Amino acid sequence: MWQYTLMAVVGVGLVVLLEVRVLRTGLLGTRTYWIAIAICYAFMIVVNGWLTKLTAPIVLYDPDAATGWRFPWDIPVEDYLFGFALLTLAMLLWDAAAPRPRQPEPAAATVPSPREDLARGNPA
């Protein structure tokens, strides 16, 4: 029972865990990420709402595999969780694979020669 719901929650958990423990891109804390998610969800609501409307559904769900909670326009809440997991995973992997500017290496510490030490007044 509720396999679809369970897999959706597990998917979200695994993606967040991947970010926090492995990738550490910091993407989830950026305003740009949340704006991108909002834009994707806006289109998802329109398309998914049309596909899953109860009056004439194109996509059917096993009632025993999900909670049955739908919002808005008859969209199963599990679809939002799967959408979050899939969109976030794609963005995290894209961000993790992006080339980063190389950090300049710190200048190597130089050891003064004995002659420079004498010139500074430091006897060897």
PDB file of N, CA and C in Angstrom:
ATOM      1  N   MET A   1       0.834  -1.188   0.000  1.00  0.00           N
ATOM      2  CA  MET A   1       0.000   0.000   0.000  1.00  0.00           C
ATOM      3  C   MET A   1       0.874   1.245   0.000  1.00  0.00           C
ATOM      4  N   TRP A   2       0.515   2.217  -0.739  1.00  0.00           N
ATOM      5  CA  TRP A   2       1.172   3.514  -0.848  1.00  0.00           C
ATOM      6  C   TRP A   2       2.609   3.405  -1.389  1.00  0.00           C
ATOM      7  N   GLN A   3       2.858   2.479  -2.289  1.00  0.00           N
ATOM      8  CA  GLN A   3       4.203   2.313  -2.845  1.00  0.00           C
ATOM      9  C   GLN A   3       4.659   3.571  -3.589  1.00  0.00           C
ATOM     10  N   TYR A   4       3.745   4.175  -4.339  1.00  0.00           N
ATOM     11  CA  TYR A   4       4.089   5.380  -5.091  1.00  0.00           C
ATOM     12  C   TYR A   4       4.497   6.498  -4.131  1.00  0.00           C
ATOM     13  N   THR A   5       3.741   6.636  -3.055  1.00  0.00           N
ATOM     14  CA  THR A   5       4.050   7.654  -2.049  1.00  0.00           C
ATOM     15  C   THR A   5       5.400   7.378  -1.401  1.00  0.00           C
ATOM     16  N   LEU A   6       5.624   6.136  -1.023  1.00  0.00           N
ATOM     17  CA  LEU A   6       6.884   5.756  -0.377  1.00  0.00           C
ATOM     18  C   LEU A   6       8.075   6.027  -1.289  1.00  0.00           C
ATOM     19  N   MET A   7       7.957   5.637  -2.560  1.00  0.00           N
ATOM     20  CA  MET A   7       9.066   5.859  -3.482  1.00  0.00           C
ATOM     21  C   MET A   7       9.305   7.352  -3.725  1.00  0.00           C
ATOM     22  N   ALA A   8       8.255   8.147  -3.730  1.00  0.00           N
ATOM     23  CA  ALA A   8       8.409   9.594  -3.903  1.00  0.00           C
ATOM     24  C   ALA A   8       9.161  10.197  -2.720  1.00  0.00           C
ATOM     25  N   VAL A   9       8.789   9.809  -1.519  1.00  0.00           N
ATOM     26  CA  VAL A   9       9.456  10.326  -0.317  1.00  0.00           C
ATOM     27  C   VAL A   9      10.908   9.852  -0.276  1.00  0.00           C
ATOM     28  N   VAL A  10      11.145   8.601  -0.595  1.00  0.00           N
ATOM     29  CA  VAL A  10      12.513   8.067  -0.619  1.00  0.00           C
ATOM     30  C   VAL A  10      13.346   8.807  -1.672  1.00  0.00           C
ATOM     31  N   GLY A  11      12.759   9.071  -2.837  1.00  0.00           N
ATOM     32  CA  GLY A  11      13.472   9.803  -3.886  1.00  0.00           C
ATOM     33  C   GLY A  11      13.915  11.171  -3.425  1.00  0.00           C
ATOM     34  N   VAL A  12      13.023  11.907  -2.773  1.00  0.00           N
ATOM     35  CA  VAL A  12      13.375  13.230  -2.244  1.00  0.00           C
ATOM     36  C   VAL A  12      14.491  13.101  -1.210  1.00  0.00           C
ATOM     37  N   GLY A  13      14.347  12.143  -0.306  1.00  0.00           N
ATOM     38  CA  GLY A  13      15.356  11.947   0.735  1.00  0.00           C
ATOM     39  C   GLY A  13      16.730  11.616   0.168  1.00  0.00           C
ATOM     40  N   LEU A  14      16.769  10.748  -0.838  1.00  0.00           N
ATOM     41  CA  LEU A  14      18.051  10.364  -1.429  1.00  0.00           C
ATOM     42  C   LEU A  14      18.720  11.528  -2.160  1.00  0.00           C
ATOM     43  N   VAL A  15      17.937  12.326  -2.851  1.00  0.00           N
ATOM     44  CA  VAL A  15      18.507  13.472  -3.566  1.00  0.00           C
ATOM     45  C   VAL A  15      19.061  14.497  -2.577  1.00  0.00           C
ATOM     46  N   VAL A  16      18.313  14.776  -1.527  1.00  0.00           N
ATOM     47  CA  VAL A  16      18.788  15.735  -0.520  1.00  0.00           C
ATOM     48  C   VAL A  16      20.026  15.174   0.182  1.00  0.00           C
ATOM     49  N   LEU A  17      20.017  13.893   0.494  1.00  0.00           N
ATOM     50  CA  LEU A  17      21.174  13.253   1.125  1.00  0.00           C
ATOM     51  C   LEU A  17      22.399  13.308   0.207  1.00  0.00           C
ATOM     52  N   LEU A  18      22.198  13.076  -1.076  1.00  0.00           N
ATOM     53  CA  LEU A  18      23.296  13.168  -2.039  1.00  0.00           C
ATOM     54  C   LEU A  18      23.916  14.556  -2.025  1.00  0.00           C
ATOM     55  N   GLU A  19      23.075  15.577  -1.968  1.00  0.00           N
ATOM     56  CA  GLU A  19      23.583  16.956  -1.938  1.00  0.00           C
ATOM     57  C   GLU A  19      24.336  17.238  -0.644  1.00  0.00           C
ATOM     58  N   VAL A  20      23.737  16.855   0.474  1.00  0.00           N
ATOM     59  CA  VAL A  20      24.304  17.200   1.783  1.00  0.00           C
ATOM     60  C   VAL A  20      25.575  16.419   2.082  1.00  0.00           C
ATOM     61  N   ARG A  21      25.619  15.148   1.684  1.00  0.00           N
ATOM     62  CA  ARG A  21      26.753  14.293   2.057  1.00  0.00           C
ATOM     63  C   ARG A  21      27.831  14.149   0.995  1.00  0.00           C
ATOM     64  N   VAL A  22      27.439  14.261  -0.294  1.00  0.00           N
ATOM     65  CA  VAL A  22      28.406  13.955  -1.347  1.00  0.00           C
ATOM     66  C   VAL A  22      28.750  15.177  -2.193  1.00  0.00           C
ATOM     67  N   LEU A  23      27.756  15.736  -2.870  1.00  0.00           N
ATOM     68  CA  LEU A  23      28.029  16.783  -3.848  1.00  0.00           C
ATOM     69  C   LEU A  23      28.381  18.121  -3.215  1.00  0.00           C
ATOM     70  N   ARG A  24      27.633  18.522  -2.218  1.00  0.00           N
ATOM     71  CA  ARG A  24      27.864  19.779  -1.488  1.00  0.00           C
ATOM     72  C   ARG A  24      28.031  20.978  -2.419  1.00  0.00           C
ATOM     73  N   THR A  25      27.091  21.124  -3.359  1.00  0.00           N
ATOM     74  CA  THR A  25      27.169  22.245  -4.288  1.00  0.00           C
ATOM     75  C   THR A  25      26.635  23.533  -3.669  1.00  0.00           C
ATOM     76  N   GLY A  26      25.795  23.421  -2.654  1.00  0.00           N
ATOM     77  CA  GLY A  26      25.175  24.594  -2.053  1.00  0.00           C
ATOM     78  C   GLY A  26      23.975  25.095  -2.841  1.00  0.00           C
ATOM     79  N   LEU A  27      23.584  24.357  -3.859  1.00  0.00           N
ATOM     80  CA  LEU A  27      22.513  24.789  -4.753  1.00  0.00           C
ATOM     81  C   LEU A  27      21.186  24.980  -4.029  1.00  0.00           C
ATOM     82  N   LEU A  28      20.866  24.106  -3.094  1.00  0.00           N
ATOM     83  CA  LEU A  28      19.568  24.176  -2.414  1.00  0.00           C
ATOM     84  C   LEU A  28      19.400  25.450  -1.588  1.00  0.00           C
ATOM     85  N   GLY A  29      20.475  26.108  -1.295  1.00  0.00           N
ATOM     86  CA  GLY A  29      20.406  27.332  -0.514  1.00  0.00           C
ATOM     87  C   GLY A  29      20.398  28.602  -1.352  1.00  0.00           C
ATOM     88  N   THR A  30      20.303  28.449  -2.665  1.00  0.00           N
ATOM     89  CA  THR A  30      20.343  29.637  -3.520  1.00  0.00           C
ATOM     90  C   THR A  30      18.946  30.059  -3.957  1.00  0.00           C
ATOM     91  N   ARG A  31      18.785  31.340  -4.128  1.00  0.00           N
ATOM     92  CA  ARG A  31      17.509  31.890  -4.596  1.00  0.00           C
ATOM     93  C   ARG A  31      17.234  31.461  -6.037  1.00  0.00           C
ATOM     94  N   THR A  32      18.260  31.384  -6.837  1.00  0.00           N
ATOM     95  CA  THR A  32      18.126  30.996  -8.237  1.00  0.00           C
ATOM     96  C   THR A  32      17.522  29.593  -8.371  1.00  0.00           C
ATOM     97  N   TYR A  33      17.966  28.684  -7.528  1.00  0.00           N
ATOM     98  CA  TYR A  33      17.434  27.318  -7.559  1.00  0.00           C
ATOM     99  C   TYR A  33      15.925  27.327  -7.296  1.00  0.00           C
ATOM    100  N   TRP A  34      15.491  28.029  -6.271  1.00  0.00           N
ATOM    101  CA  TRP A  34      14.076  28.029  -5.903  1.00  0.00           C
ATOM    102  C   TRP A  34      13.226  28.742  -6.949  1.00  0.00           C
ATOM    103  N   ILE A  35      13.780  29.737  -7.612  1.00  0.00           N
ATOM    104  CA  ILE A  35      13.060  30.377  -8.722  1.00  0.00           C
ATOM    105  C   ILE A  35      12.901  29.383  -9.871  1.00  0.00           C
ATOM    106  N   ALA A  36      13.963  28.638 -10.167  1.00  0.00           N
ATOM    107  CA  ALA A  36      13.897  27.637 -11.231  1.00  0.00           C
ATOM    108  C   ALA A  36      12.866  26.561 -10.904  1.00  0.00           C
ATOM    109  N   ILE A  37      12.823  26.123  -9.654  1.00  0.00           N
ATOM    110  CA  ILE A  37      11.832  25.119  -9.245  1.00  0.00           C
ATOM    111  C   ILE A  37      10.419  25.679  -9.403  1.00  0.00           C
ATOM    112  N   ALA A  38      10.209  26.922  -9.018  1.00  0.00           N
ATOM    113  CA  ALA A  38       8.884  27.546  -9.144  1.00  0.00           C
ATOM    114  C   ALA A  38       8.452  27.621 -10.607  1.00  0.00           C
ATOM    115  N   ILE A  39       9.377  27.973 -11.487  1.00  0.00           N
ATOM    116  CA  ILE A  39       9.055  28.040 -12.917  1.00  0.00           C
ATOM    117  C   ILE A  39       8.687  26.655 -13.443  1.00  0.00           C
ATOM    118  N   CYS A  40       9.488  25.657 -13.089  1.00  0.00           N
ATOM    119  CA  CYS A  40       9.203  24.284 -13.533  1.00  0.00           C
ATOM    120  C   CYS A  40       7.863  23.801 -12.995  1.00  0.00           C
ATOM    121  N   TYR A  41       7.576  24.092 -11.727  1.00  0.00           N
ATOM    122  CA  TYR A  41       6.308  23.670 -11.135  1.00  0.00           C
ATOM    123  C   TYR A  41       5.115  24.369 -11.796  1.00  0.00           C
ATOM    124  N   ALA A  42       5.286  25.606 -12.199  1.00  0.00           N
ATOM    125  CA  ALA A  42       4.191  26.316 -12.866  1.00  0.00           C
ATOM    126  C   ALA A  42       3.788  25.580 -14.138  1.00  0.00           C
ATOM    127  N   PHE A  43       4.773  25.171 -14.920  1.00  0.00           N
ATOM    128  CA  PHE A  43       4.469  24.419 -16.137  1.00  0.00           C
ATOM    129  C   PHE A  43       3.980  23.007 -15.805  1.00  0.00           C
ATOM    130  N   MET A  44       4.550  22.417 -14.774  1.00  0.00           N
ATOM    131  CA  MET A  44       4.127  21.079 -14.369  1.00  0.00           C
ATOM    132  C   MET A  44       2.656  21.063 -13.956  1.00  0.00           C
ATOM    133  N   ILE A  45       2.230  22.084 -13.236  1.00  0.00           N
ATOM    134  CA  ILE A  45       0.837  22.142 -12.783  1.00  0.00           C
ATOM    135  C   ILE A  45      -0.111  22.192 -13.979  1.00  0.00           C
ATOM    136  N   VAL A  46       0.237  22.972 -14.966  1.00  0.00           N
ATOM    137  CA  VAL A  46      -0.628  23.074 -16.148  1.00  0.00           C
ATOM    138  C   VAL A  46      -0.705  21.737 -16.885  1.00  0.00           C
ATOM    139  N   VAL A  47       0.439  21.158 -17.176  1.00  0.00           N
ATOM    140  CA  VAL A  47       0.471  19.916 -17.957  1.00  0.00           C
ATOM    141  C   VAL A  47      -0.048  18.743 -17.134  1.00  0.00           C
ATOM    142  N   ASN A  48       0.459  18.599 -15.924  1.00  0.00           N
ATOM    143  CA  ASN A  48       0.053  17.470 -15.080  1.00  0.00           C
ATOM    144  C   ASN A  48      -1.423  17.573 -14.714  1.00  0.00           C
ATOM    145  N   GLY A  49      -1.903  18.781 -14.496  1.00  0.00           N
ATOM    146  CA  GLY A  49      -3.316  18.966 -14.198  1.00  0.00           C
ATOM    147  C   GLY A  49      -4.199  18.476 -15.329  1.00  0.00           C
ATOM    148  N   TRP A  50      -3.776  18.726 -16.552  1.00  0.00           N
ATOM    149  CA  TRP A  50      -4.534  18.267 -17.713  1.00  0.00           C
ATOM    150  C   TRP A  50      -4.446  16.746 -17.865  1.00  0.00           C
ATOM    151  N   LEU A  51      -3.269  16.171 -17.593  1.00  0.00           N
ATOM    152  CA  LEU A  51      -3.081  14.729 -17.755  1.00  0.00           C
ATOM    153  C   LEU A  51      -3.795  13.902 -16.686  1.00  0.00           C
ATOM    154  N   THR A  52      -3.928  14.458 -15.495  1.00  0.00           N
ATOM    155  CA  THR A  52      -4.457  13.664 -14.375  1.00  0.00           C
ATOM    156  C   THR A  52      -5.846  14.081 -13.916  1.00  0.00           C
ATOM    157  N   LYS A  53      -6.494  14.998 -14.637  1.00  0.00           N
ATOM    158  CA  LYS A  53      -7.815  15.468 -14.199  1.00  0.00           C
ATOM    159  C   LYS A  53      -8.772  14.273 -14.079  1.00  0.00           C
ATOM    160  N   LEU A  54      -9.525  14.249 -13.022  1.00  0.00           N
ATOM    161  CA  LEU A  54     -10.402  13.111 -12.744  1.00  0.00           C
ATOM    162  C   LEU A  54     -11.587  13.034 -13.703  1.00  0.00           C
ATOM    163  N   THR A  55     -11.953  14.145 -14.336  1.00  0.00           N
ATOM    164  CA  THR A  55     -13.096  14.137 -15.250  1.00  0.00           C
ATOM    165  C   THR A  55     -12.797  13.375 -16.533  1.00  0.00           C
ATOM    166  N   ALA A  56     -11.564  13.415 -17.010  1.00  0.00           N
ATOM    167  CA  ALA A  56     -11.165  12.692 -18.220  1.00  0.00           C
ATOM    168  C   ALA A  56      -9.667  12.415 -18.147  1.00  0.00           C
ATOM    169  N   PRO A  57      -9.240  11.510 -17.264  1.00  0.00           N
ATOM    170  CA  PRO A  57      -7.801  11.302 -17.058  1.00  0.00           C
ATOM    171  C   PRO A  57      -7.132  10.632 -18.261  1.00  0.00           C
ATOM    172  N   ILE A  58      -5.937  11.095 -18.540  1.00  0.00           N
ATOM    173  CA  ILE A  58      -5.084  10.451 -19.538  1.00  0.00           C
ATOM    174  C   ILE A  58      -4.127   9.508 -18.816  1.00  0.00           C
ATOM    175  N   VAL A  59      -3.678   9.923 -17.654  1.00  0.00           N
ATOM    176  CA  VAL A  59      -2.798   9.114 -16.813  1.00  0.00           C
ATOM    177  C   VAL A  59      -3.614   8.630 -15.616  1.00  0.00           C
ATOM    178  N   LEU A  60      -3.573   7.333 -15.392  1.00  0.00           N
ATOM    179  CA  LEU A  60      -4.313   6.743 -14.271  1.00  0.00           C
ATOM    180  C   LEU A  60      -3.332   6.238 -13.221  1.00  0.00           C
ATOM    181  N   TYR A  61      -3.739   6.338 -11.969  1.00  0.00           N
ATOM    182  CA  TYR A  61      -2.920   5.869 -10.857  1.00  0.00           C
ATOM    183  C   TYR A  61      -3.664   4.765 -10.128  1.00  0.00           C
ATOM    184  N   ASP A  62      -2.902   3.793  -9.661  1.00  0.00           N
ATOM    185  CA  ASP A  62      -3.497   2.740  -8.838  1.00  0.00           C
ATOM    186  C   ASP A  62      -3.880   3.363  -7.505  1.00  0.00           C
ATOM    187  N   PRO A  63      -5.151   3.350  -7.145  1.00  0.00           N
ATOM    188  CA  PRO A  63      -5.569   3.992  -5.896  1.00  0.00           C
ATOM    189  C   PRO A  63      -4.929   3.384  -4.657  1.00  0.00           C
ATOM    190  N   ASP A  64      -4.483   2.141  -4.733  1.00  0.00           N
ATOM    191  CA  ASP A  64      -3.836   1.511  -3.575  1.00  0.00           C
ATOM    192  C   ASP A  64      -2.363   1.890  -3.445  1.00  0.00           C
ATOM    193  N   ALA A  65      -1.783   2.499  -4.481  1.00  0.00           N
ATOM    194  CA  ALA A  65      -0.354   2.801  -4.476  1.00  0.00           C
ATOM    195  C   ALA A  65      -0.048   4.219  -4.020  1.00  0.00           C
ATOM    196  N   ALA A  66      -1.070   5.051  -3.862  1.00  0.00           N
ATOM    197  CA  ALA A  66      -0.841   6.448  -3.495  1.00  0.00           C
ATOM    198  C   ALA A  66      -1.825   6.867  -2.412  1.00  0.00           C
ATOM    199  N   THR A  67      -1.597   8.058  -1.869  1.00  0.00           N
ATOM    200  CA  THR A  67      -2.454   8.535  -0.782  1.00  0.00           C
ATOM    201  C   THR A  67      -3.850   8.908  -1.268  1.00  0.00           C
ATOM    202  N   GLY A  68      -3.945   9.305  -2.525  1.00  0.00           N
ATOM    203  CA  GLY A  68      -5.217   9.795  -3.034  1.00  0.00           C
ATOM    204  C   GLY A  68      -5.382  11.289  -2.835  1.00  0.00           C
ATOM    205  N   TRP A  69      -4.425  11.936  -2.178  1.00  0.00           N
ATOM    206  CA  TRP A  69      -4.476  13.386  -1.981  1.00  0.00           C
ATOM    207  C   TRP A  69      -4.120  14.055  -3.295  1.00  0.00           C
ATOM    208  N   ARG A  70      -4.954  14.976  -3.730  1.00  0.00           N
ATOM    209  CA  ARG A  70      -4.736  15.653  -5.004  1.00  0.00           C
ATOM    210  C   ARG A  70      -4.927  17.146  -4.826  1.00  0.00           C
ATOM    211  N   PHE A  71      -3.959  17.923  -5.392  1.00  0.00           N
ATOM    212  CA  PHE A  71      -4.043  19.377  -5.302  1.00  0.00           C
ATOM    213  C   PHE A  71      -3.112  19.984  -6.333  1.00  0.00           C
ATOM    214  N   PRO A  72      -3.376  21.051  -6.934  1.00  0.00           N
ATOM    215  CA  PRO A  72      -4.695  21.471  -7.391  1.00  0.00           C
ATOM    216  C   PRO A  72      -5.036  20.715  -8.665  1.00  0.00           C
ATOM    217  N   TRP A  73      -6.209  20.876  -9.158  1.00  0.00           N
ATOM    218  CA  TRP A  73      -6.653  20.265 -10.416  1.00  0.00           C
ATOM    219  C   TRP A  73      -6.402  18.769 -10.465  1.00  0.00           C
ATOM    220  N   ASP A  74      -6.622  18.107  -9.384  1.00  0.00           N
ATOM    221  CA  ASP A  74      -6.541  16.641  -9.327  1.00  0.00           C
ATOM    222  C   ASP A  74      -5.134  16.069  -9.523  1.00  0.00           C
ATOM    223  N   ILE A  75      -4.112  16.873  -9.254  1.00  0.00           N
ATOM    224  CA  ILE A  75      -2.734  16.387  -9.376  1.00  0.00           C
ATOM    225  C   ILE A  75      -2.362  15.643  -8.094  1.00  0.00           C
ATOM    226  N   PRO A  76      -1.930  14.380  -8.203  1.00  0.00           N
ATOM    227  CA  PRO A  76      -1.496  13.652  -7.003  1.00  0.00           C
ATOM    228  C   PRO A  76      -0.308  14.356  -6.340  1.00  0.00           C
ATOM    229  N   VAL A  77      -0.354  14.485  -5.024  1.00  0.00           N
ATOM    230  CA  VAL A  77       0.736  15.182  -4.326  1.00  0.00           C
ATOM    231  C   VAL A  77       2.072  14.474  -4.531  1.00  0.00           C
ATOM    232  N   GLU A  78       2.045  13.179  -4.785  1.00  0.00           N
ATOM    233  CA  GLU A  78       3.292  12.437  -5.016  1.00  0.00           C
ATOM    234  C   GLU A  78       4.018  12.947  -6.257  1.00  0.00           C
ATOM    235  N   ASP A  79       3.270  13.460  -7.226  1.00  0.00           N
ATOM    236  CA  ASP A  79       3.910  13.987  -8.437  1.00  0.00           C
ATOM    237  C   ASP A  79       4.803  15.181  -8.123  1.00  0.00           C
ATOM    238  N   TYR A  80       4.426  15.972  -7.136  1.00  0.00           N
ATOM    239  CA  TYR A  80       5.265  17.106  -6.737  1.00  0.00           C
ATOM    240  C   TYR A  80       6.570  16.604  -6.111  1.00  0.00           C
ATOM    241  N   LEU A  81       6.481  15.532  -5.345  1.00  0.00           N
ATOM    242  CA  LEU A  81       7.683  14.976  -4.726  1.00  0.00           C
ATOM    243  C   LEU A  81       8.615  14.399  -5.786  1.00  0.00           C
ATOM    244  N   PHE A  82       8.058  13.606  -6.711  1.00  0.00           N
ATOM    245  CA  PHE A  82       8.890  13.068  -7.786  1.00  0.00           C
ATOM    246  C   PHE A  82       9.461  14.196  -8.640  1.00  0.00           C
ATOM    247  N   GLY A  83       8.652  15.201  -8.926  1.00  0.00           N
ATOM    248  CA  GLY A  83       9.140  16.339  -9.701  1.00  0.00           C
ATOM    249  C   GLY A  83      10.306  17.019  -9.007  1.00  0.00           C
ATOM    250  N   PHE A  84      10.168  17.235  -7.704  1.00  0.00           N
ATOM    251  CA  PHE A  84      11.249  17.841  -6.928  1.00  0.00           C
ATOM    252  C   PHE A  84      12.512  16.992  -7.024  1.00  0.00           C
ATOM    253  N   ALA A  85      12.380  15.682  -6.813  1.00  0.00           N
ATOM    254  CA  ALA A  85      13.546  14.796  -6.832  1.00  0.00           C
ATOM    255  C   ALA A  85      14.217  14.804  -8.206  1.00  0.00           C
ATOM    256  N   LEU A  86      13.441  14.692  -9.264  1.00  0.00           N
ATOM    257  CA  LEU A  86      14.029  14.617 -10.601  1.00  0.00           C
ATOM    258  C   LEU A  86      14.648  15.946 -11.037  1.00  0.00           C
ATOM    259  N   LEU A  87      13.925  17.037 -10.819  1.00  0.00           N
ATOM    260  CA  LEU A  87      14.471  18.344 -11.198  1.00  0.00           C
ATOM    261  C   LEU A  87      15.719  18.673 -10.387  1.00  0.00           C
ATOM    262  N   THR A  88      15.651  18.427  -9.100  1.00  0.00           N
ATOM    263  CA  THR A  88      16.782  18.746  -8.222  1.00  0.00           C
ATOM    264  C   THR A  88      17.989  17.888  -8.558  1.00  0.00           C
ATOM    265  N   LEU A  89      17.774  16.599  -8.795  1.00  0.00           N
ATOM    266  CA  LEU A  89      18.892  15.723  -9.145  1.00  0.00           C
ATOM    267  C   LEU A  89      19.567  16.205 -10.422  1.00  0.00           C
ATOM    268  N   ALA A  90      18.773  16.551 -11.427  1.00  0.00           N
ATOM    269  CA  ALA A  90      19.357  17.040 -12.685  1.00  0.00           C
ATOM    270  C   ALA A  90      20.163  18.315 -12.448  1.00  0.00           C
ATOM    271  N   MET A  91      19.606  19.253 -11.674  1.00  0.00           N
ATOM    272  CA  MET A  91      20.316  20.510 -11.419  1.00  0.00           C
ATOM    273  C   MET A  91      21.573  20.291 -10.589  1.00  0.00           C
ATOM    274  N   LEU A  92      21.502  19.399  -9.599  1.00  0.00           N
ATOM    275  CA  LEU A  92      22.676  19.131  -8.762  1.00  0.00           C
ATOM    276  C   LEU A  92      23.800  18.504  -9.577  1.00  0.00           C
ATOM    277  N   LEU A  93      23.454  17.517 -10.405  1.00  0.00           N
ATOM    278  CA  LEU A  93      24.486  16.862 -11.210  1.00  0.00           C
ATOM    279  C   LEU A  93      25.077  17.834 -12.235  1.00  0.00           C
ATOM    280  N   TRP A  94      24.237  18.680 -12.799  1.00  0.00           N
ATOM    281  CA  TRP A  94      24.715  19.692 -13.743  1.00  0.00           C
ATOM    282  C   TRP A  94      25.671  20.653 -13.041  1.00  0.00           C
ATOM    283  N   ASP A  95      25.275  21.105 -11.856  1.00  0.00           N
ATOM    284  CA  ASP A  95      26.108  22.042 -11.108  1.00  0.00           C
ATOM    285  C   ASP A  95      27.412  21.384 -10.661  1.00  0.00           C
ATOM    286  N   ALA A  96      27.335  20.140 -10.225  1.00  0.00           N
ATOM    287  CA  ALA A  96      28.538  19.444  -9.772  1.00  0.00           C
ATOM    288  C   ALA A  96      29.511  19.208 -10.923  1.00  0.00           C
ATOM    289  N   ALA A  97      28.994  19.026 -12.142  1.00  0.00           N
ATOM    290  CA  ALA A  97      29.847  18.766 -13.294  1.00  0.00           C
ATOM    291  C   ALA A  97      30.369  20.039 -13.953  1.00  0.00           C
ATOM    292  N   ALA A  98      29.854  21.181 -13.551  1.00  0.00           N
ATOM    293  CA  ALA A  98      30.255  22.446 -14.175  1.00  0.00           C
ATOM    294  C   ALA A  98      31.723  22.729 -13.894  1.00  0.00           C
ATOM    295  N   PRO A  99      32.431  23.198 -14.917  1.00  0.00           N
ATOM    296  CA  PRO A  99      33.830  23.550 -14.667  1.00  0.00           C
ATOM    297  C   PRO A  99      33.913  24.738 -13.720  1.00  0.00           C
ATOM    298  N   ARG A 100      34.805  24.675 -12.813  1.00  0.00           N
ATOM    299  CA  ARG A 100      35.003  25.742 -11.836  1.00  0.00           C
ATOM    300  C   ARG A 100      36.283  26.494 -12.166  1.00  0.00           C
ATOM    301  N   PRO A 101      36.303  27.790 -11.915  1.00  0.00           N
ATOM    302  CA  PRO A 101      37.567  28.513 -12.115  1.00  0.00           C
ATOM    303  C   PRO A 101      38.610  27.973 -11.152  1.00  0.00           C
ATOM    304  N   ARG A 102      39.796  27.815 -11.661  1.00  0.00           N
ATOM    305  CA  ARG A 102      40.870  27.292 -10.812  1.00  0.00           C
ATOM    306  C   ARG A 102      41.287  28.336  -9.800  1.00  0.00           C
ATOM    307  N   GLN A 103      41.480  27.886  -8.602  1.00  0.00           N
ATOM    308  CA  GLN A 103      41.968  28.768  -7.544  1.00  0.00           C
ATOM    309  C   GLN A 103      43.475  28.924  -7.741  1.00  0.00           C
ATOM    310  N   PRO A 104      43.974  30.134  -7.684  1.00  0.00           N
ATOM    311  CA  PRO A 104      45.428  30.292  -7.825  1.00  0.00           C
ATOM    312  C   PRO A 104      46.120  29.620  -6.646  1.00  0.00           C
ATOM    313  N   GLU A 105      47.208  28.967  -6.974  1.00  0.00           N
ATOM    314  CA  GLU A 105      47.964  28.305  -5.912  1.00  0.00           C
ATOM    315  C   GLU A 105      48.698  29.367  -5.101  1.00  0.00           C
ATOM    316  N   PRO A 106      48.744  29.153  -3.787  1.00  0.00           N
ATOM    317  CA  PRO A 106      49.475  30.132  -2.979  1.00  0.00           C
ATOM    318  C   PRO A 106      50.955  30.146  -3.377  1.00  0.00           C
ATOM    319  N   ALA A 107      51.530  31.325  -3.307  1.00  0.00           N
ATOM    320  CA  ALA A 107      52.951  31.460  -3.660  1.00  0.00           C
ATOM    321  C   ALA A 107      53.788  30.620  -2.703  1.00  0.00           C
ATOM    322  N   ALA A 108      54.728  29.947  -3.273  1.00  0.00           N
ATOM    323  CA  ALA A 108      55.603  29.119  -2.455  1.00  0.00           C
ATOM    324  C   ALA A 108      56.443  30.020  -1.547  1.00  0.00           C
ATOM    325  N   ALA A 109      56.577  29.600  -0.320  1.00  0.00           N
ATOM    326  CA  ALA A 109      57.408  30.362   0.622  1.00  0.00           C
ATOM    327  C   ALA A 109      58.859  30.222   0.190  1.00  0.00           C
ATOM    328  N   THR A 110      59.517  31.336   0.112  1.00  0.00           N
ATOM    329  CA  THR A 110      60.924  31.305  -0.286  1.00  0.00           C
ATOM    330  C   THR A 110      61.805  31.415   0.950  1.00  0.00           C
ATOM    331  N   VAL A 111      62.848  30.670   0.906  1.00  0.00           N
ATOM    332  CA  VAL A 111      63.825  30.706   1.997  1.00  0.00           C
ATOM    333  C   VAL A 111      64.966  31.612   1.533  1.00  0.00           C
ATOM    334  N   PRO A 112      65.275  32.636   2.319  1.00  0.00           N
ATOM    335  CA  PRO A 112      66.353  33.529   1.882  1.00  0.00           C
ATOM    336  C   PRO A 112      67.691  32.794   1.853  1.00  0.00           C
ATOM    337  N   SER A 113      68.490  33.166   0.893  1.00  0.00           N
ATOM    338  CA  SER A 113      69.817  32.561   0.801  1.00  0.00           C
ATOM    339  C   SER A 113      70.695  33.134   1.924  1.00  0.00           C
ATOM    340  N   PRO A 114      71.776  32.455   2.262  1.00  0.00           N
ATOM    341  CA  PRO A 114      72.666  32.983   3.311  1.00  0.00           C
ATOM    342  C   PRO A 114      73.183  34.380   2.972  1.00  0.00           C
ATOM    343  N   ARG A 115      73.396  34.657   1.700  1.00  0.00           N
ATOM    344  CA  ARG A 115      73.890  35.969   1.305  1.00  0.00           C
ATOM    345  C   ARG A 115      72.833  37.042   1.613  1.00  0.00           C
ATOM    346  N   GLU A 116      71.489  36.723   1.343  1.00  0.00           N
ATOM    347  CA  GLU A 116      70.417  37.673   1.661  1.00  0.00           C
ATOM    348  C   GLU A 116      70.312  37.883   3.164  1.00  0.00           C
ATOM    349  N   ASP A 117      70.524  36.822   3.943  1.00  0.00           N
ATOM    350  CA  ASP A 117      70.489  36.953   5.395  1.00  0.00           C
ATOM    351  C   ASP A 117      71.580  37.908   5.869  1.00  0.00           C
ATOM    352  N   LEU A 118      72.784  37.783   5.318  1.00  0.00           N
ATOM    353  CA  LEU A 118      73.877  38.668   5.699  1.00  0.00           C
ATOM    354  C   LEU A 118      73.564  40.106   5.297  1.00  0.00           C
ATOM    355  N   ALA A 119      72.946  40.279   4.119  1.00  0.00           N
ATOM    356  CA  ALA A 119      72.628  41.618   3.659  1.00  0.00           C
ATOM    357  C   ALA A 119      71.600  42.277   4.581  1.00  0.00           C
ATOM    358  N   ARG A 120      70.739  41.485   5.187  1.00  0.00           N
ATOM    359  CA  ARG A 120      69.746  42.017   6.116  1.00  0.00           C
ATOM    360  C   ARG A 120      70.296  42.196   7.520  1.00  0.00           C
ATOM    361  N   GLY A 121      71.477  41.723   7.714  1.00  0.00           N
ATOM    362  CA  GLY A 121      72.093  41.872   9.033  1.00  0.00           C
ATOM    363  C   GLY A 121      71.837  40.680   9.930  1.00  0.00           C
ATOM    364  N   ASN A 122      71.387  39.573   9.359  1.00  0.00           N
ATOM    365  CA  ASN A 122      71.155  38.361  10.155  1.00  0.00           C
ATOM    366  C   ASN A 122      72.319  37.412   9.935  1.00  0.00           C
ATOM    367  N   PRO A 123      73.219  37.302  10.933  1.00  0.00           N
ATOM    368  CA  PRO A 123      74.333  36.360  10.747  1.00  0.00           C
ATOM    369  C   PRO A 123      73.825  34.921  10.790  1.00  0.00           C
ATOM    370  N   ALA A 124      74.471  34.092  10.032  1.00  0.00           N
ATOM    371  CA  ALA A 124      74.062  32.692   9.943  1.00  0.00           C
ATOM    372  C   ALA A 124      74.448  31.891  11.148  1.00  0.00           C
TER     373      ALA A 124
END
